[in-house]
Every structure is written in C-alpha cells, then in structure tokens.
C-alpha atoms as a PDB file:
ATOM      1  CA  MET A   1      33.512 -21.259-105.779  1.00  0.00           C
ATOM      2  CA  PRO A   2      30.859 -18.531-104.752  1.00  0.00           C
ATOM      3  CA  ILE A   3      27.299 -19.367-106.367  1.00  0.00           C
ATOM      4  CA  GLY A   4      26.712 -15.065-106.321  1.00  0.00           C
ATOM      5  CA  ALA A   5      26.688 -11.939-104.935  1.00  0.00           C
ATOM      6  CA  ASP A   6      25.367 -11.918-101.360  1.00  0.00           C
ATOM      7  CA  ALA A   7      22.457  -9.594-101.139  1.00  0.00           C
ATOM      8  CA  LEU A   8      22.983  -6.728 -98.672  1.00  0.00           C
ATOM      9  CA  SER A   9      21.719  -5.981 -95.398  1.00  0.00           C
ATOM     10  CA  GLY A  10      18.816  -3.761 -94.599  1.00  0.00           C
ATOM     11  CA  TYR A  11      20.761  -2.798 -91.087  1.00  0.00           C
ATOM     12  CA  ASN A  12      23.995  -1.147 -92.453  1.00  0.00           C
ATOM     13  CA  PHE A  13      23.444   2.400 -93.445  1.00  0.00           C
ATOM     14  CA  SER A  14      24.388   5.871 -93.240  1.00  0.00           C
ATOM     15  CA  ILE A  15      22.209   8.881 -93.396  1.00  0.00           C
ATOM     16  CA  GLU A  16      24.159  12.373 -95.495  1.00  0.00           C
ATOM     17  CA  ILE A  17      22.498  15.793 -95.720  1.00  0.00           C
ATOM     18  CA  ASP A  18      25.295  17.824 -97.253  1.00  0.00           C
ATOM     19  CA  SER A  19      27.887  15.338 -97.081  1.00  0.00           C
ATOM     20  CA  ILE A  20      27.855  15.262 -93.573  1.00  0.00           C
ATOM     21  CA  ALA A  21      27.554  11.636 -91.978  1.00  0.00           C
ATOM     22  CA  ILE A  22      24.433  12.293 -89.393  1.00  0.00           C
ATOM     23  CA  ALA A  23      24.270   8.898 -86.940  1.00  0.00           C
ATOM     24  CA  GLN A  24      22.076   6.889 -85.144  1.00  0.00           C
ATOM     25  CA  PHE A  25      19.244   6.194 -87.311  1.00  0.00           C
ATOM     26  CA  ARG A  26      17.221   2.989 -86.295  1.00  0.00           C
ATOM     27  CA  GLU A  27      15.035   3.425 -89.626  1.00  0.00           C
ATOM     28  CA  VAL A  28      14.765   5.133 -93.057  1.00  0.00           C
ATOM     29  CA  ALA A  29      11.883   4.029 -95.234  1.00  0.00           C
ATOM     30  CA  GLY A  30       9.965   5.777 -98.489  1.00  0.00           C
ATOM     31  CA  LEU A  31      12.854   5.610-100.508  1.00  0.00           C
ATOM     32  CA  SER A  32      10.689   5.616-104.209  1.00  0.00           C
ATOM     33  CA  ALA A  33      10.904   6.384-107.904  1.00  0.00           C
ATOM     34  CA  GLU A  34       7.380   6.217-109.458  1.00  0.00           C
ATOM     35  CA  ILE A  35       6.405   7.097-113.174  1.00  0.00           C
ATOM     36  CA  THR A  36       2.542   7.905-113.298  1.00  0.00           C
ATOM     37  CA  THR A  37       0.703   6.965-116.365  1.00  0.00           C
ATOM     38  CA  ILE A  38      -0.941   8.352-119.016  1.00  0.00           C
ATOM     39  CA  GLU A  39      -3.684   6.310-120.999  1.00  0.00           C
ATOM     40  CA  HIS A  40      -4.177   6.942-124.087  1.00  0.00           C
ATOM     41  CA  ARG A  41      -7.196   6.368-126.536  1.00  0.00           C
ATOM     42  CA  GLU A  42      -7.547   6.161-129.897  1.00  0.00           C
ATOM     43  CA  ASN A  43      -9.147   4.325-132.764  1.00  0.00           C
ATOM     44  CA  ASN A  44      -6.864   2.060-135.201  1.00  0.00           C
ATOM     45  CA  PRO A  45      -7.405   2.165-138.922  1.00  0.00           C
ATOM     46  CA  LYS A  46     -10.438  -0.348-138.728  1.00  0.00           C
ATOM     47  CA  GLY A  47     -11.815   1.742-136.396  1.00  0.00           C
ATOM     48  CA  LEU A  48     -11.250  -0.346-133.639  1.00  0.00           C
ATOM     49  CA  PRO A  49     -10.356   1.181-130.174  1.00  0.00           C
ATOM     50  CA  VAL A  50      -6.819   1.043-129.063  1.00  0.00           C
ATOM     51  CA  LEU A  51      -5.708   1.922-125.291  1.00  0.00           C
ATOM     52  CA  LYS A  52      -1.761   3.137-125.605  1.00  0.00           C
ATOM     53  CA  LYS A  53      -0.072   4.323-122.157  1.00  0.00           C
ATOM     54  CA  LEU A  54       2.478   6.802-122.057  1.00  0.00           C
ATOM     55  CA  PRO A  55       4.886   7.504-119.271  1.00  0.00           C
ATOM     56  CA  GLY A  56       3.681  10.711-117.485  1.00  0.00           C
ATOM     57  CA  SER A  57       4.994  12.708-114.278  1.00  0.00           C
ATOM     58  CA  ARG A  58       7.623  11.898-112.028  1.00  0.00           C
ATOM     59  CA  LYS A  59       6.565  11.304-108.706  1.00  0.00           C
ATOM     60  CA  TYR A  60       9.261  10.214-105.342  1.00  0.00           C
ATOM     61  CA  GLY A  61       8.172   9.462-102.039  1.00  0.00           C
ATOM     62  CA  ASP A  62       9.007  11.257 -98.864  1.00  0.00           C
ATOM     63  CA  ILE A  63      11.551  10.061 -96.345  1.00  0.00           C
ATOM     64  CA  THR A  64      11.016   9.020 -93.325  1.00  0.00           C
ATOM     65  CA  LEU A  65      13.993   8.994 -90.187  1.00  0.00           C
ATOM     66  CA  LYS A  66      13.728   7.331 -87.412  1.00  0.00           C
ATOM     67  CA  ARG A  67      15.709   7.560 -84.168  1.00  0.00           C
ATOM     68  CA  GLY A  68      16.344   7.274 -80.689  1.00  0.00           C
ATOM     69  CA  ARG A  69      15.840  11.106 -79.188  1.00  0.00           C
ATOM     70  CA  THR A  70      19.094  12.693 -78.397  1.00  0.00           C
ATOM     71  CA  ASP A  71      20.070  16.259 -76.641  1.00  0.00           C
ATOM     72  CA  SER A  72      20.528  16.720 -80.648  1.00  0.00           C
ATOM     73  CA  LYS A  73      18.151  20.336 -82.386  1.00  0.00           C
ATOM     74  CA  VAL A  74      19.475  19.678 -85.407  1.00  0.00           C
ATOM     75  CA  LEU A  75      16.053  18.368 -87.119  1.00  0.00           C
ATOM     76  CA  TRP A  76      13.531  20.766 -84.980  1.00  0.00           C
ATOM     77  CA  ASP A  77      16.415  24.183 -86.429  1.00  0.00           C
ATOM     78  CA  TRP A  78      15.897  22.697 -89.952  1.00  0.00           C
ATOM     79  CA  ILE A  79      11.904  22.708 -89.942  1.00  0.00           C
ATOM     80  CA  LYS A  80      12.003  25.489 -88.160  1.00  0.00           C
ATOM     81  CA  LYS A  81      13.579  27.111 -91.352  1.00  0.00           C
ATOM     82  CA  VAL A  82      11.069  26.325 -93.588  1.00  0.00           C
ATOM     83  CA  GLN A  83       8.407  27.180 -90.587  1.00  0.00           C
ATOM     84  CA  ASP A  84      10.371  30.793 -91.131  1.00  0.00           C
ATOM     85  CA  GLY A  85       9.554  30.700 -94.541  1.00  0.00           C
ATOM     86  CA  LYS A  86      13.709  30.402 -95.147  1.00  0.00           C
ATOM     87  CA  ILE A  87      12.753  27.017 -97.609  1.00  0.00           C
ATOM     88  CA  ASP A  88      16.210  28.275 -99.786  1.00  0.00           C
ATOM     89  CA  GLU A  89      18.086  28.390 -96.689  1.00  0.00           C
ATOM     90  CA  ALA A  90      16.739  24.252 -95.854  1.00  0.00           C
ATOM     91  CA  ARG A  91      16.937  22.767 -99.170  1.00  0.00           C
ATOM     92  CA  LYS A  92      19.749  20.368 -98.767  1.00  0.00           C
ATOM     93  CA  ASN A  93      21.366  17.193-100.791  1.00  0.00           C
ATOM     94  CA  GLY A  94      21.486  14.486 -99.423  1.00  0.00           C
ATOM     95  CA  SER A  95      22.548  10.115 -99.990  1.00  0.00           C
ATOM     96  CA  ILE A  96      21.280   7.267 -98.559  1.00  0.00           C
ATOM     97  CA  VAL A  97      24.175   5.258 -98.175  1.00  0.00           C
ATOM     98  CA  LEU A  98      24.041   0.973 -97.607  1.00  0.00           C
ATOM     99  CA  TYR A  99      27.019  -0.730 -97.065  1.00  0.00           C
ATOM    100  CA  ASP A 100      28.146  -4.452 -97.021  1.00  0.00           C
ATOM    101  CA  TYR A 101      29.132  -6.947 -93.810  1.00  0.00           C
ATOM    102  CA  ALA A 102      32.651  -6.071 -93.828  1.00  0.00           C
ATOM    103  CA  GLY A 103      31.885  -2.115 -94.234  1.00  0.00           C
ATOM    104  CA  SER A 104      32.602  -0.931 -97.388  1.00  0.00           C
ATOM    105  CA  GLU A 105      29.893   1.313 -99.589  1.00  0.00           C
ATOM    106  CA  LYS A 106      28.062  -0.772-101.777  1.00  0.00           C
ATOM    107  CA  SER A 107      25.142   1.520-102.791  1.00  0.00           C
ATOM    108  CA  ARG A 108      24.229   5.269-102.957  1.00  0.00           C
ATOM    109  CA  PHE A 109      20.638   6.665-103.473  1.00  0.00           C
ATOM    110  CA  ASN A 110      20.810  10.955-103.570  1.00  0.00           C
ATOM    111  CA  PHE A 111      18.136  13.084-102.722  1.00  0.00           C
ATOM    112  CA  LEU A 112      17.862  16.539-104.071  1.00  0.00           C
ATOM    113  CA  ASN A 113      16.416  19.541-102.150  1.00  0.00           C
ATOM    114  CA  ALA A 114      15.305  17.860 -99.732  1.00  0.00           C
ATOM    115  CA  TRP A 115      13.538  19.884 -96.762  1.00  0.00           C
ATOM    116  CA  PRO A 116      11.552  18.697 -93.581  1.00  0.00           C
ATOM    117  CA  SER A 117       8.063  18.650 -93.732  1.00  0.00           C
ATOM    118  CA  LYS A 118       7.290  17.257 -90.254  1.00  0.00           C
ATOM    119  CA  VAL A 119       9.206  16.721 -86.948  1.00  0.00           C
ATOM    120  CA  SER A 120       8.081  14.600 -84.595  1.00  0.00           C
ATOM    121  CA  LEU A 121       8.561  12.576 -81.243  1.00  0.00           C
ATOM    122  CA  GLY A 122       7.175   8.764 -80.156  1.00  0.00           C
ATOM    123  CA  SER A 123       4.803   8.441 -77.242  1.00  0.00           C
ATOM    124  CA  MET A 124       6.109   8.772 -73.860  1.00  0.00           C
ATOM    125  CA  GLN A 125       5.043   6.820 -71.126  1.00  0.00           C
ATOM    126  CA  ALA A 126       5.176   6.860 -67.297  1.00  0.00           C
ATOM    127  CA  GLY A 127       7.004   3.876 -66.008  1.00  0.00           C
ATOM    128  CA  GLY A 128       8.354   3.078 -69.489  1.00  0.00           C
ATOM    129  CA  SER A 129      10.965   1.491 -70.615  1.00  0.00           C
ATOM    130  CA  GLU A 130      11.258   2.139 -74.636  1.00  0.00           C
ATOM    131  CA  VAL A 131      13.974   5.049 -76.405  1.00  0.00           C
ATOM    132  CA  LEU A 132      11.940   8.006 -77.070  1.00  0.00           C
ATOM    133  CA  LEU A 133      12.008   7.827 -80.372  1.00  0.00           C
ATOM    134  CA  GLU A 134      12.016  11.304 -83.230  1.00  0.00           C
ATOM    135  CA  GLU A 135      10.790  10.831 -86.566  1.00  0.00           C
ATOM    136  CA  CYS A 136      11.412  13.162 -89.424  1.00  0.00           C
ATOM    137  CA  THR A 137       9.475  13.403 -92.356  1.00  0.00           C
ATOM    138  CA  ILE A 138      12.179  14.531 -95.486  1.00  0.00           C
ATOM    139  CA  THR A 139       9.946  15.921 -99.052  1.00  0.00           C
ATOM    140  CA  HIS A 140      12.676  16.371-101.869  1.00  0.00           C
ATOM    141  CA  GLU A 141      12.254  17.058-105.700  1.00  0.00           C
ATOM    142  CA  GLY A 142      13.677  14.138-107.063  1.00  0.00           C
ATOM    143  CA  ILE A 143      16.089  10.815-105.659  1.00  0.00           C
ATOM    144  CA  ALA A 144      18.087   8.603-107.592  1.00  0.00           C
ATOM    145  CA  PRO A 145      21.406   5.766-106.940  1.00  0.00           C
ATOM    146  CA  ALA A 146      24.701   6.856-107.598  1.00  0.00           C
END
C-alpha cells in the first residue's frame, strides 16, 4: 500500500520557449513569485495604534539557465534582438516542465513576455577538464503553475 506521493526529482525537467523544447540545460534557477507588503498604520476607536499588512505589487524572480556551450547561437541571437531595440520581437512565452521518474509530465510553470537580460560564458582555463558553461538570465512579466 502506498504511503504517499513521491517527491519530484530536481534533475528531470525541460525548458520550452514558444512551445519549442530547448534541450541540454543542466540547471534552472530563480522560479519565484512574490507579493510585496504594504504596512498601513492607523488608530483603533480607542486611540491605540494598529498595524495592518496589505498585499502590494507582484514581483517575479529572473530565471537563470545554464548549459554546456555548443555551437548553437540561439541565446546570443535572442539577446541581440534586445540590443538592437527589437524588444517586441524578442519577447517570448515559455515553460519549465517537471517530469516524474517514468518521464511523464507532472508540473508546468509558464512564464510570460520573457527576454534575455544577460548571456554569458563561464571561465576558460588552459589545461582544464570542465565543460564550458553558457548562462542566460531571463527577465519576464509573470510566472504561474499551469
């Protein structure tokens, strides 16, 4: 008899941009949604101070993607659109998709109007034995589970 649902692993995921799966990312970080807090001070009918906390504006964390560098220029071409002022063309919707141990989709986080704010290469070292990493920071206007 099962004792509960298994937790999802953190290694079985994919990234989709405009419904196209982009492969080979080794790390995704920064999936977050936050509501800022407004503190409102007032006095109650007896003159005693009261502090109320109200929901403020929404904030979303930037998504950071890391992968081994290949000959693909897709991330560099994407940020070039932003550098050239073609922001409407650069904005894309995407998803981070989580899979269970059998490879079935279990969860999806959709992000909206995303564009790259940074693309970078990791350090290179003569005599090194590590894979060269490429990193992309994606700024977006909202994220929600589907």
